[in-house]
Protein backbone atom coordinates (compact mmCIF):
# COMPACT_ATOMS: atom_id res chain seq x y z
CA UNK A 1 0.00 0.00 0.00
CA UNK A 2 1.23 3.49 -0.84
CA UNK A 3 1.71 5.78 2.14
CA UNK A 4 -0.01 9.09 1.43
CA UNK A 5 2.06 12.13 2.39
CA UNK A 6 0.23 15.45 2.56
CA UNK A 7 1.73 18.92 2.28
CA UNK A 8 -0.11 22.23 2.57
CA UNK A 9 1.18 25.16 0.56
CA UNK A 10 0.32 28.85 0.75
CA UNK A 11 2.88 30.93 -1.10
CA UNK A 12 3.53 34.01 -3.21
CA UNK A 13 6.55 35.23 -5.13
CA UNK A 14 7.57 37.23 -2.06
CA UNK A 15 8.54 34.10 -0.09
CA UNK A 16 10.34 30.77 -0.48
CA UNK A 17 7.62 28.43 0.83
CA UNK A 18 7.07 26.83 -2.56
CA UNK A 19 10.80 26.19 -2.98
CA UNK A 20 10.99 24.73 0.56
CA UNK A 21 8.07 22.46 -0.25
CA UNK A 22 9.75 21.24 -3.43
CA UNK A 23 12.89 20.30 -1.49
CA UNK A 24 10.84 18.50 1.16
CA UNK A 25 8.85 16.57 -1.45
CA UNK A 26 12.07 15.52 -3.18
CA UNK A 27 13.49 14.28 0.14
CA UNK A 28 10.30 12.30 0.79
CA UNK A 29 10.32 10.78 -2.69
CA UNK A 30 13.98 9.85 -2.33
CA UNK A 31 13.38 7.98 0.94
CA UNK A 32 9.89 6.63 0.22
CA UNK A 33 9.64 6.45 -3.58
CA UNK A 34 6.35 4.52 -3.51
CA UNK A 35 4.53 7.15 -1.47
CA UNK A 36 1.61 9.11 -2.86
CA UNK A 37 2.21 12.86 -2.51
CA UNK A 38 -0.86 15.06 -2.07
CA UNK A 39 -0.55 18.85 -2.17
CA UNK A 40 -3.29 20.91 -0.49
CA UNK A 41 -3.31 24.53 -1.67
CA UNK A 42 -5.62 27.52 -1.73
CA UNK A 43 -6.83 28.80 -5.08
CA UNK A 44 -4.79 32.03 -4.89
CA UNK A 45 -1.56 30.07 -4.36
CA UNK A 46 -2.44 27.58 -7.07
CA UNK A 47 -3.00 30.35 -9.63
CA UNK A 48 0.20 32.16 -8.68
CA UNK A 49 2.40 29.07 -8.72
CA UNK A 50 0.97 27.84 -12.04
CA UNK A 51 1.84 31.17 -13.68
CA UNK A 52 5.52 30.90 -12.67
CA UNK A 53 7.56 28.67 -15.00
CA UNK A 54 10.07 27.75 -12.28
CA UNK A 55 7.70 27.24 -9.36
CA UNK A 56 4.99 25.37 -11.29
CA UNK A 57 7.27 22.33 -11.49
CA UNK A 58 5.96 21.40 -8.04
CA UNK A 59 2.79 20.10 -9.70
CA UNK A 60 4.88 17.53 -11.62
CA UNK A 61 6.19 16.14 -8.32
CA UNK A 62 2.82 15.40 -6.74
CA UNK A 63 0.27 12.69 -7.43
CA UNK A 64 -2.70 14.84 -6.47
CA UNK A 65 -3.37 18.53 -5.98
CA UNK A 66 -6.38 19.57 -3.91
CA UNK A 67 -7.30 23.25 -4.21
CA UNK A 68 -9.74 25.03 -1.89
CA UNK A 69 -10.92 28.65 -1.94
CA UNK A 70 -8.94 31.07 0.21
CA UNK A 71 -11.26 32.41 2.95
CA UNK A 72 -12.24 36.01 2.30
CA UNK A 73 -9.92 38.53 3.94
CA UNK A 74 -7.40 35.92 5.14
CA UNK A 75 -3.69 36.68 4.91
CA UNK A 76 -1.30 34.06 3.58
CA UNK A 77 -0.31 33.05 7.11
CA UNK A 78 -3.93 32.74 8.20
CA UNK A 79 -4.76 30.72 5.10
CA UNK A 80 -1.87 28.37 5.84
CA UNK A 81 -3.20 27.72 9.36
CA UNK A 82 -6.74 27.37 8.03
CA UNK A 83 -5.65 24.68 5.56
CA UNK A 84 -3.66 22.78 8.18
CA UNK A 85 -6.43 22.76 10.78
CA UNK A 86 -9.04 21.64 8.24
CA UNK A 87 -6.99 19.28 6.04
CA UNK A 88 -8.82 16.14 7.20
CA UNK A 89 -11.96 17.51 5.55
CA UNK A 90 -10.22 18.03 2.18
CA UNK A 91 -8.04 14.92 1.82
CA UNK A 92 -9.37 11.36 1.63
CA UNK A 93 -7.63 8.29 3.04
CA UNK A 94 -5.02 7.81 5.76
CA UNK A 95 -2.14 10.27 5.50
CA UNK A 96 1.07 11.52 7.04
CA UNK A 97 1.09 15.31 7.16
CA UNK A 98 4.52 16.95 6.90
CA UNK A 99 5.29 20.68 7.16
CA UNK A 100 6.87 21.99 3.97
CA UNK A 101 10.10 23.05 5.76
CA UNK A 102 10.83 19.45 6.82
CA UNK A 103 13.59 17.31 5.31
CA UNK A 104 12.84 13.57 5.25
CA UNK A 105 15.98 11.57 6.08
CA UNK A 106 14.74 7.96 6.19
CA UNK A 107 11.91 5.82 4.80
CA UNK A 108 8.41 6.60 6.07
CA UNK A 109 6.61 3.48 4.85
CA UNK A 110 6.33 1.82 8.29
CA UNK A 111 4.09 4.62 9.57
CA UNK A 112 1.05 2.66 8.43
CA UNK A 113 1.88 -0.08 10.95
CA UNK A 114 1.30 2.15 13.98
CA UNK A 115 -1.61 1.12 16.17
CA UNK A 116 -3.13 4.55 16.76
CA UNK A 117 -5.46 6.67 14.63
CA UNK A 118 -3.96 10.11 15.31
CA UNK A 119 -0.33 10.67 16.17
CA UNK A 120 2.09 13.50 16.78
CA UNK A 121 5.41 14.25 18.43
CA UNK A 122 5.84 16.35 21.59
CA UNK A 123 7.24 19.77 20.80
CA UNK A 124 11.06 19.70 21.07
CA UNK A 125 10.67 15.95 21.85
CA UNK A 126 10.11 16.60 25.56
CA UNK A 127 7.40 17.14 28.16
CA UNK A 128 6.02 20.67 28.29
CA UNK A 129 7.48 21.12 31.78
CA UNK A 130 10.97 20.84 30.25
CA UNK A 131 10.23 22.92 27.14
CA UNK A 132 12.01 26.27 27.02
CA UNK A 133 8.86 27.89 25.61
CA UNK A 134 6.45 26.40 28.17
CA UNK A 135 5.46 29.74 29.75
CA UNK A 136 4.44 31.21 26.39
CA UNK A 137 2.67 28.01 25.29
CA UNK A 138 0.58 27.90 28.48
CA UNK A 139 -0.24 31.60 28.14
CA UNK A 140 -1.44 31.02 24.57
CA UNK A 141 -3.51 27.98 25.60
CA UNK A 142 -5.13 30.00 28.39
CA UNK A 143 -5.93 32.83 25.99
CA UNK A 144 -7.42 30.37 23.49
CA UNK A 145 -9.45 28.47 26.08
CA UNK A 146 -10.40 31.34 28.36
CA UNK A 147 -9.41 29.21 31.36
CA UNK A 148 -6.22 28.45 33.26
CA UNK A 149 -4.13 25.64 31.75
CA UNK A 150 -4.34 22.49 33.90
CA UNK A 151 -1.32 22.15 36.20
CA UNK A 152 -0.83 18.52 35.14
CA UNK A 153 -0.99 19.34 31.42
CA UNK A 154 2.43 18.24 30.18
CA UNK A 155 2.00 17.08 26.57
CA UNK A 156 2.21 19.81 23.94
CA UNK A 157 2.35 18.40 20.44
CA UNK A 158 4.20 19.90 17.50
CA UNK A 159 1.85 20.22 14.53
CA UNK A 160 4.59 19.83 11.92
CA UNK A 161 4.24 16.06 11.50
CA UNK A 162 0.92 14.30 12.11
CA UNK A 163 -0.28 10.78 11.34
CA UNK A 164 -4.01 10.88 10.52
CA UNK A 165 -6.18 7.86 9.75
CA UNK A 166 -9.42 8.21 7.80
CA UNK A 167 -11.72 7.55 10.76
CA UNK A 168 -14.75 9.45 12.05
CA UNK A 169 -13.05 10.56 15.27
CA UNK A 170 -10.38 12.40 13.25
CA UNK A 171 -12.98 14.31 11.25
CA UNK A 172 -14.45 15.48 14.54
CA UNK A 173 -11.00 16.30 15.93
CA UNK A 174 -10.02 18.43 12.94
CA UNK A 175 -13.42 20.15 12.98
CA UNK A 176 -12.78 21.02 16.64
CA UNK A 177 -9.21 22.12 15.93
CA UNK A 178 -10.32 24.35 13.06
CA UNK A 179 -13.13 25.93 15.08
CA UNK A 180 -10.84 26.56 18.06
CA UNK A 181 -8.21 28.08 15.75
CA UNK A 182 -10.78 30.40 14.15
CA UNK A 183 -11.80 31.65 17.61
CA UNK A 184 -8.13 32.01 18.59
CA UNK A 185 -7.43 34.02 15.42
CA UNK A 186 -10.13 36.47 16.46
CA UNK A 187 -8.26 36.85 19.77
CA UNK A 188 -5.03 37.64 17.94
CA UNK A 189 -3.44 34.17 18.16
CA UNK A 190 -2.76 32.95 14.64
CA UNK A 191 -0.47 30.07 15.71
CA UNK A 192 -2.04 26.63 15.26
CA UNK A 193 -0.31 24.68 18.06
CA UNK A 194 -2.12 26.31 21.02
CA UNK A 195 -5.43 25.46 19.31
CA UNK A 196 -4.19 21.92 18.67
CA UNK A 197 -3.34 21.60 22.37
CA UNK A 198 -6.74 22.87 23.45
CA UNK A 199 -8.61 20.66 20.96
CA UNK A 200 -6.55 17.71 22.19
C-alpha atoms as a PDB file:
ATOM      1  CA  UNK A   1       0.000   0.000   0.000  1.00  0.00           C
ATOM      2  CA  UNK A   2       1.235   3.494  -0.838  1.00  0.00           C
ATOM      3  CA  UNK A   3       1.711   5.783   2.139  1.00  0.00           C
ATOM      4  CA  UNK A   4      -0.006   9.093   1.430  1.00  0.00           C
ATOM      5  CA  UNK A   5       2.062  12.134   2.393  1.00  0.00           C
ATOM      6  CA  UNK A   6       0.231  15.453   2.563  1.00  0.00           C
ATOM      7  CA  UNK A   7       1.728  18.924   2.281  1.00  0.00           C
ATOM      8  CA  UNK A   8      -0.108  22.228   2.568  1.00  0.00           C
ATOM      9  CA  UNK A   9       1.176  25.162   0.557  1.00  0.00           C
ATOM     10  CA  UNK A  10       0.324  28.850   0.750  1.00  0.00           C
ATOM     11  CA  UNK A  11       2.882  30.929  -1.100  1.00  0.00           C
ATOM     12  CA  UNK A  12       3.529  34.008  -3.207  1.00  0.00           C
ATOM     13  CA  UNK A  13       6.547  35.231  -5.131  1.00  0.00           C
ATOM     14  CA  UNK A  14       7.571  37.233  -2.060  1.00  0.00           C
ATOM     15  CA  UNK A  15       8.539  34.103  -0.093  1.00  0.00           C
ATOM     16  CA  UNK A  16      10.338  30.769  -0.476  1.00  0.00           C
ATOM     17  CA  UNK A  17       7.621  28.434   0.830  1.00  0.00           C
ATOM     18  CA  UNK A  18       7.074  26.834  -2.564  1.00  0.00           C
ATOM     19  CA  UNK A  19      10.797  26.186  -2.979  1.00  0.00           C
ATOM     20  CA  UNK A  20      10.986  24.730   0.556  1.00  0.00           C
ATOM     21  CA  UNK A  21       8.069  22.455  -0.246  1.00  0.00           C
ATOM     22  CA  UNK A  22       9.750  21.239  -3.434  1.00  0.00           C
ATOM     23  CA  UNK A  23      12.892  20.300  -1.492  1.00  0.00           C
ATOM     24  CA  UNK A  24      10.841  18.503   1.160  1.00  0.00           C
ATOM     25  CA  UNK A  25       8.850  16.575  -1.446  1.00  0.00           C
ATOM     26  CA  UNK A  26      12.069  15.519  -3.185  1.00  0.00           C
ATOM     27  CA  UNK A  27      13.488  14.281   0.135  1.00  0.00           C
ATOM     28  CA  UNK A  28      10.300  12.300   0.789  1.00  0.00           C
ATOM     29  CA  UNK A  29      10.322  10.776  -2.694  1.00  0.00           C
ATOM     30  CA  UNK A  30      13.983   9.851  -2.330  1.00  0.00           C
ATOM     31  CA  UNK A  31      13.381   7.985   0.940  1.00  0.00           C
ATOM     32  CA  UNK A  32       9.889   6.631   0.222  1.00  0.00           C
ATOM     33  CA  UNK A  33       9.642   6.454  -3.579  1.00  0.00           C
ATOM     34  CA  UNK A  34       6.350   4.524  -3.509  1.00  0.00           C
ATOM     35  CA  UNK A  35       4.527   7.155  -1.474  1.00  0.00           C
ATOM     36  CA  UNK A  36       1.611   9.110  -2.858  1.00  0.00           C
ATOM     37  CA  UNK A  37       2.205  12.856  -2.511  1.00  0.00           C
ATOM     38  CA  UNK A  38      -0.861  15.064  -2.068  1.00  0.00           C
ATOM     39  CA  UNK A  39      -0.552  18.849  -2.167  1.00  0.00           C
ATOM     40  CA  UNK A  40      -3.289  20.908  -0.492  1.00  0.00           C
ATOM     41  CA  UNK A  41      -3.309  24.532  -1.674  1.00  0.00           C
ATOM     42  CA  UNK A  42      -5.617  27.517  -1.729  1.00  0.00           C
ATOM     43  CA  UNK A  43      -6.835  28.800  -5.076  1.00  0.00           C
ATOM     44  CA  UNK A  44      -4.791  32.027  -4.886  1.00  0.00           C
ATOM     45  CA  UNK A  45      -1.559  30.073  -4.358  1.00  0.00           C
ATOM     46  CA  UNK A  46      -2.441  27.578  -7.069  1.00  0.00           C
ATOM     47  CA  UNK A  47      -3.005  30.346  -9.629  1.00  0.00           C
ATOM     48  CA  UNK A  48       0.195  32.164  -8.684  1.00  0.00           C
ATOM     49  CA  UNK A  49       2.401  29.068  -8.723  1.00  0.00           C
ATOM     50  CA  UNK A  50       0.971  27.840 -12.036  1.00  0.00           C
ATOM     51  CA  UNK A  51       1.837  31.170 -13.675  1.00  0.00           C
ATOM     52  CA  UNK A  52       5.520  30.898 -12.671  1.00  0.00           C
ATOM     53  CA  UNK A  53       7.558  28.671 -15.003  1.00  0.00           C
ATOM     54  CA  UNK A  54      10.072  27.751 -12.283  1.00  0.00           C
ATOM     55  CA  UNK A  55       7.697  27.241  -9.362  1.00  0.00           C
ATOM     56  CA  UNK A  56       4.991  25.369 -11.287  1.00  0.00           C
ATOM     57  CA  UNK A  57       7.266  22.330 -11.495  1.00  0.00           C
ATOM     58  CA  UNK A  58       5.962  21.402  -8.042  1.00  0.00           C
ATOM     59  CA  UNK A  59       2.793  20.099  -9.697  1.00  0.00           C
ATOM     60  CA  UNK A  60       4.883  17.534 -11.625  1.00  0.00           C
ATOM     61  CA  UNK A  61       6.194  16.145  -8.323  1.00  0.00           C
ATOM     62  CA  UNK A  62       2.818  15.400  -6.739  1.00  0.00           C
ATOM     63  CA  UNK A  63       0.266  12.689  -7.430  1.00  0.00           C
ATOM     64  CA  UNK A  64      -2.699  14.837  -6.466  1.00  0.00           C
ATOM     65  CA  UNK A  65      -3.374  18.534  -5.984  1.00  0.00           C
ATOM     66  CA  UNK A  66      -6.382  19.567  -3.913  1.00  0.00           C
ATOM     67  CA  UNK A  67      -7.300  23.247  -4.210  1.00  0.00           C
ATOM     68  CA  UNK A  68      -9.739  25.026  -1.893  1.00  0.00           C
ATOM     69  CA  UNK A  69     -10.916  28.653  -1.943  1.00  0.00           C
ATOM     70  CA  UNK A  70      -8.938  31.074   0.213  1.00  0.00           C
ATOM     71  CA  UNK A  71     -11.260  32.409   2.945  1.00  0.00           C
ATOM     72  CA  UNK A  72     -12.239  36.013   2.305  1.00  0.00           C
ATOM     73  CA  UNK A  73      -9.917  38.526   3.941  1.00  0.00           C
ATOM     74  CA  UNK A  74      -7.402  35.916   5.137  1.00  0.00           C
ATOM     75  CA  UNK A  75      -3.689  36.677   4.911  1.00  0.00           C
ATOM     76  CA  UNK A  76      -1.298  34.063   3.580  1.00  0.00           C
ATOM     77  CA  UNK A  77      -0.306  33.046   7.113  1.00  0.00           C
ATOM     78  CA  UNK A  78      -3.933  32.740   8.200  1.00  0.00           C
ATOM     79  CA  UNK A  79      -4.764  30.715   5.098  1.00  0.00           C
ATOM     80  CA  UNK A  80      -1.866  28.371   5.844  1.00  0.00           C
ATOM     81  CA  UNK A  81      -3.203  27.724   9.356  1.00  0.00           C
ATOM     82  CA  UNK A  82      -6.739  27.375   8.034  1.00  0.00           C
ATOM     83  CA  UNK A  83      -5.646  24.676   5.562  1.00  0.00           C
ATOM     84  CA  UNK A  84      -3.662  22.784   8.177  1.00  0.00           C
ATOM     85  CA  UNK A  85      -6.431  22.763  10.777  1.00  0.00           C
ATOM     86  CA  UNK A  86      -9.043  21.640   8.236  1.00  0.00           C
ATOM     87  CA  UNK A  87      -6.990  19.284   6.040  1.00  0.00           C
ATOM     88  CA  UNK A  88      -8.817  16.144   7.195  1.00  0.00           C
ATOM     89  CA  UNK A  89     -11.964  17.514   5.548  1.00  0.00           C
ATOM     90  CA  UNK A  90     -10.222  18.034   2.184  1.00  0.00           C
ATOM     91  CA  UNK A  91      -8.044  14.918   1.815  1.00  0.00           C
ATOM     92  CA  UNK A  92      -9.375  11.363   1.631  1.00  0.00           C
ATOM     93  CA  UNK A  93      -7.630   8.291   3.043  1.00  0.00           C
ATOM     94  CA  UNK A  94      -5.023   7.810   5.764  1.00  0.00           C
ATOM     95  CA  UNK A  95      -2.143  10.272   5.504  1.00  0.00           C
ATOM     96  CA  UNK A  96       1.066  11.516   7.043  1.00  0.00           C
ATOM     97  CA  UNK A  97       1.091  15.310   7.161  1.00  0.00           C
ATOM     98  CA  UNK A  98       4.523  16.952   6.896  1.00  0.00           C
ATOM     99  CA  UNK A  99       5.295  20.681   7.157  1.00  0.00           C
ATOM    100  CA  UNK A 100       6.874  21.995   3.974  1.00  0.00           C
ATOM    101  CA  UNK A 101      10.096  23.047   5.757  1.00  0.00           C
ATOM    102  CA  UNK A 102      10.832  19.453   6.822  1.00  0.00           C
ATOM    103  CA  UNK A 103      13.589  17.312   5.310  1.00  0.00           C
ATOM    104  CA  UNK A 104      12.840  13.575   5.252  1.00  0.00           C
ATOM    105  CA  UNK A 105      15.980  11.574   6.079  1.00  0.00           C
ATOM    106  CA  UNK A 106      14.744   7.964   6.195  1.00  0.00           C
ATOM    107  CA  UNK A 107      11.906   5.819   4.802  1.00  0.00           C
ATOM    108  CA  UNK A 108       8.410   6.601   6.073  1.00  0.00           C
ATOM    109  CA  UNK A 109       6.613   3.483   4.853  1.00  0.00           C
ATOM    110  CA  UNK A 110       6.333   1.821   8.289  1.00  0.00           C
ATOM    111  CA  UNK A 111       4.087   4.620   9.572  1.00  0.00           C
ATOM    112  CA  UNK A 112       1.049   2.658   8.434  1.00  0.00           C
ATOM    113  CA  UNK A 113       1.875  -0.079  10.953  1.00  0.00           C
ATOM    114  CA  UNK A 114       1.299   2.151  13.979  1.00  0.00           C
ATOM    115  CA  UNK A 115      -1.607   1.124  16.172  1.00  0.00           C
ATOM    116  CA  UNK A 116      -3.128   4.554  16.756  1.00  0.00           C
ATOM    117  CA  UNK A 117      -5.459   6.671  14.627  1.00  0.00           C
ATOM    118  CA  UNK A 118      -3.964  10.107  15.308  1.00  0.00           C
ATOM    119  CA  UNK A 119      -0.333  10.672  16.172  1.00  0.00           C
ATOM    120  CA  UNK A 120       2.095  13.499  16.776  1.00  0.00           C
ATOM    121  CA  UNK A 121       5.415  14.248  18.426  1.00  0.00           C
ATOM    122  CA  UNK A 122       5.845  16.350  21.593  1.00  0.00           C
ATOM    123  CA  UNK A 123       7.241  19.774  20.796  1.00  0.00           C
ATOM    124  CA  UNK A 124      11.055  19.698  21.074  1.00  0.00           C
ATOM    125  CA  UNK A 125      10.672  15.954  21.851  1.00  0.00           C
ATOM    126  CA  UNK A 126      10.110  16.603  25.556  1.00  0.00           C
ATOM    127  CA  UNK A 127       7.397  17.142  28.162  1.00  0.00           C
ATOM    128  CA  UNK A 128       6.016  20.669  28.292  1.00  0.00           C
ATOM    129  CA  UNK A 129       7.482  21.120  31.778  1.00  0.00           C
ATOM    130  CA  UNK A 130      10.966  20.841  30.248  1.00  0.00           C
ATOM    131  CA  UNK A 131      10.232  22.916  27.142  1.00  0.00           C
ATOM    132  CA  UNK A 132      12.010  26.266  27.025  1.00  0.00           C
ATOM    133  CA  UNK A 133       8.859  27.889  25.606  1.00  0.00           C
ATOM    134  CA  UNK A 134       6.446  26.404  28.173  1.00  0.00           C
ATOM    135  CA  UNK A 135       5.458  29.739  29.747  1.00  0.00           C
ATOM    136  CA  UNK A 136       4.444  31.205  26.388  1.00  0.00           C
ATOM    137  CA  UNK A 137       2.667  28.015  25.291  1.00  0.00           C
ATOM    138  CA  UNK A 138       0.579  27.898  28.482  1.00  0.00           C
ATOM    139  CA  UNK A 139      -0.238  31.596  28.140  1.00  0.00           C
ATOM    140  CA  UNK A 140      -1.445  31.021  24.566  1.00  0.00           C
ATOM    141  CA  UNK A 141      -3.513  27.984  25.605  1.00  0.00           C
ATOM    142  CA  UNK A 142      -5.129  30.000  28.389  1.00  0.00           C
ATOM    143  CA  UNK A 143      -5.934  32.828  25.994  1.00  0.00           C
ATOM    144  CA  UNK A 144      -7.416  30.369  23.490  1.00  0.00           C
ATOM    145  CA  UNK A 145      -9.455  28.465  26.083  1.00  0.00           C
ATOM    146  CA  UNK A 146     -10.401  31.338  28.362  1.00  0.00           C
ATOM    147  CA  UNK A 147      -9.410  29.207  31.361  1.00  0.00           C
ATOM    148  CA  UNK A 148      -6.225  28.449  33.261  1.00  0.00           C
ATOM    149  CA  UNK A 149      -4.133  25.645  31.751  1.00  0.00           C
ATOM    150  CA  UNK A 150      -4.343  22.491  33.903  1.00  0.00           C
ATOM    151  CA  UNK A 151      -1.323  22.152  36.203  1.00  0.00           C
ATOM    152  CA  UNK A 152      -0.828  18.522  35.140  1.00  0.00           C
ATOM    153  CA  UNK A 153      -0.986  19.340  31.422  1.00  0.00           C
ATOM    154  CA  UNK A 154       2.427  18.239  30.175  1.00  0.00           C
ATOM    155  CA  UNK A 155       2.005  17.083  26.574  1.00  0.00           C
ATOM    156  CA  UNK A 156       2.207  19.811  23.941  1.00  0.00           C
ATOM    157  CA  UNK A 157       2.350  18.399  20.437  1.00  0.00           C
ATOM    158  CA  UNK A 158       4.204  19.903  17.497  1.00  0.00           C
ATOM    159  CA  UNK A 159       1.850  20.216  14.533  1.00  0.00           C
ATOM    160  CA  UNK A 160       4.593  19.829  11.919  1.00  0.00           C
ATOM    161  CA  UNK A 161       4.243  16.056  11.503  1.00  0.00           C
ATOM    162  CA  UNK A 162       0.921  14.300  12.106  1.00  0.00           C
ATOM    163  CA  UNK A 163      -0.283  10.776  11.344  1.00  0.00           C
ATOM    164  CA  UNK A 164      -4.012  10.884  10.516  1.00  0.00           C
ATOM    165  CA  UNK A 165      -6.178   7.861   9.751  1.00  0.00           C
ATOM    166  CA  UNK A 166      -9.418   8.211   7.804  1.00  0.00           C
ATOM    167  CA  UNK A 167     -11.723   7.553  10.758  1.00  0.00           C
ATOM    168  CA  UNK A 168     -14.749   9.445  12.053  1.00  0.00           C
ATOM    169  CA  UNK A 169     -13.054  10.557  15.272  1.00  0.00           C
ATOM    170  CA  UNK A 170     -10.380  12.403  13.247  1.00  0.00           C
ATOM    171  CA  UNK A 171     -12.982  14.313  11.245  1.00  0.00           C
ATOM    172  CA  UNK A 172     -14.448  15.481  14.541  1.00  0.00           C
ATOM    173  CA  UNK A 173     -10.996  16.296  15.931  1.00  0.00           C
ATOM    174  CA  UNK A 174     -10.019  18.429  12.940  1.00  0.00           C
ATOM    175  CA  UNK A 175     -13.421  20.155  12.977  1.00  0.00           C
ATOM    176  CA  UNK A 176     -12.782  21.019  16.641  1.00  0.00           C
ATOM    177  CA  UNK A 177      -9.209  22.121  15.931  1.00  0.00           C
ATOM    178  CA  UNK A 178     -10.321  24.351  13.056  1.00  0.00           C
ATOM    179  CA  UNK A 179     -13.127  25.932  15.078  1.00  0.00           C
ATOM    180  CA  UNK A 180     -10.840  26.556  18.063  1.00  0.00           C
ATOM    181  CA  UNK A 181      -8.214  28.078  15.752  1.00  0.00           C
ATOM    182  CA  UNK A 182     -10.776  30.402  14.149  1.00  0.00           C
ATOM    183  CA  UNK A 183     -11.798  31.648  17.615  1.00  0.00           C
ATOM    184  CA  UNK A 184      -8.131  32.013  18.592  1.00  0.00           C
ATOM    185  CA  UNK A 185      -7.434  34.015  15.417  1.00  0.00           C
ATOM    186  CA  UNK A 186     -10.129  36.467  16.455  1.00  0.00           C
ATOM    187  CA  UNK A 187      -8.265  36.848  19.768  1.00  0.00           C
ATOM    188  CA  UNK A 188      -5.030  37.636  17.940  1.00  0.00           C
ATOM    189  CA  UNK A 189      -3.437  34.170  18.157  1.00  0.00           C
ATOM    190  CA  UNK A 190      -2.761  32.946  14.644  1.00  0.00           C
ATOM    191  CA  UNK A 191      -0.468  30.073  15.712  1.00  0.00           C
ATOM    192  CA  UNK A 192      -2.037  26.633  15.256  1.00  0.00           C
ATOM    193  CA  UNK A 193      -0.314  24.677  18.061  1.00  0.00           C
ATOM    194  CA  UNK A 194      -2.122  26.315  21.017  1.00  0.00           C
ATOM    195  CA  UNK A 195      -5.425  25.460  19.308  1.00  0.00           C
ATOM    196  CA  UNK A 196      -4.190  21.925  18.671  1.00  0.00           C
ATOM    197  CA  UNK A 197      -3.338  21.603  22.365  1.00  0.00           C
ATOM    198  CA  UNK A 198      -6.743  22.873  23.454  1.00  0.00           C
ATOM    199  CA  UNK A 199      -8.613  20.664  20.958  1.00  0.00           C
ATOM    200  CA  UNK A 200      -6.554  17.711  22.192  1.00  0.00           C
END
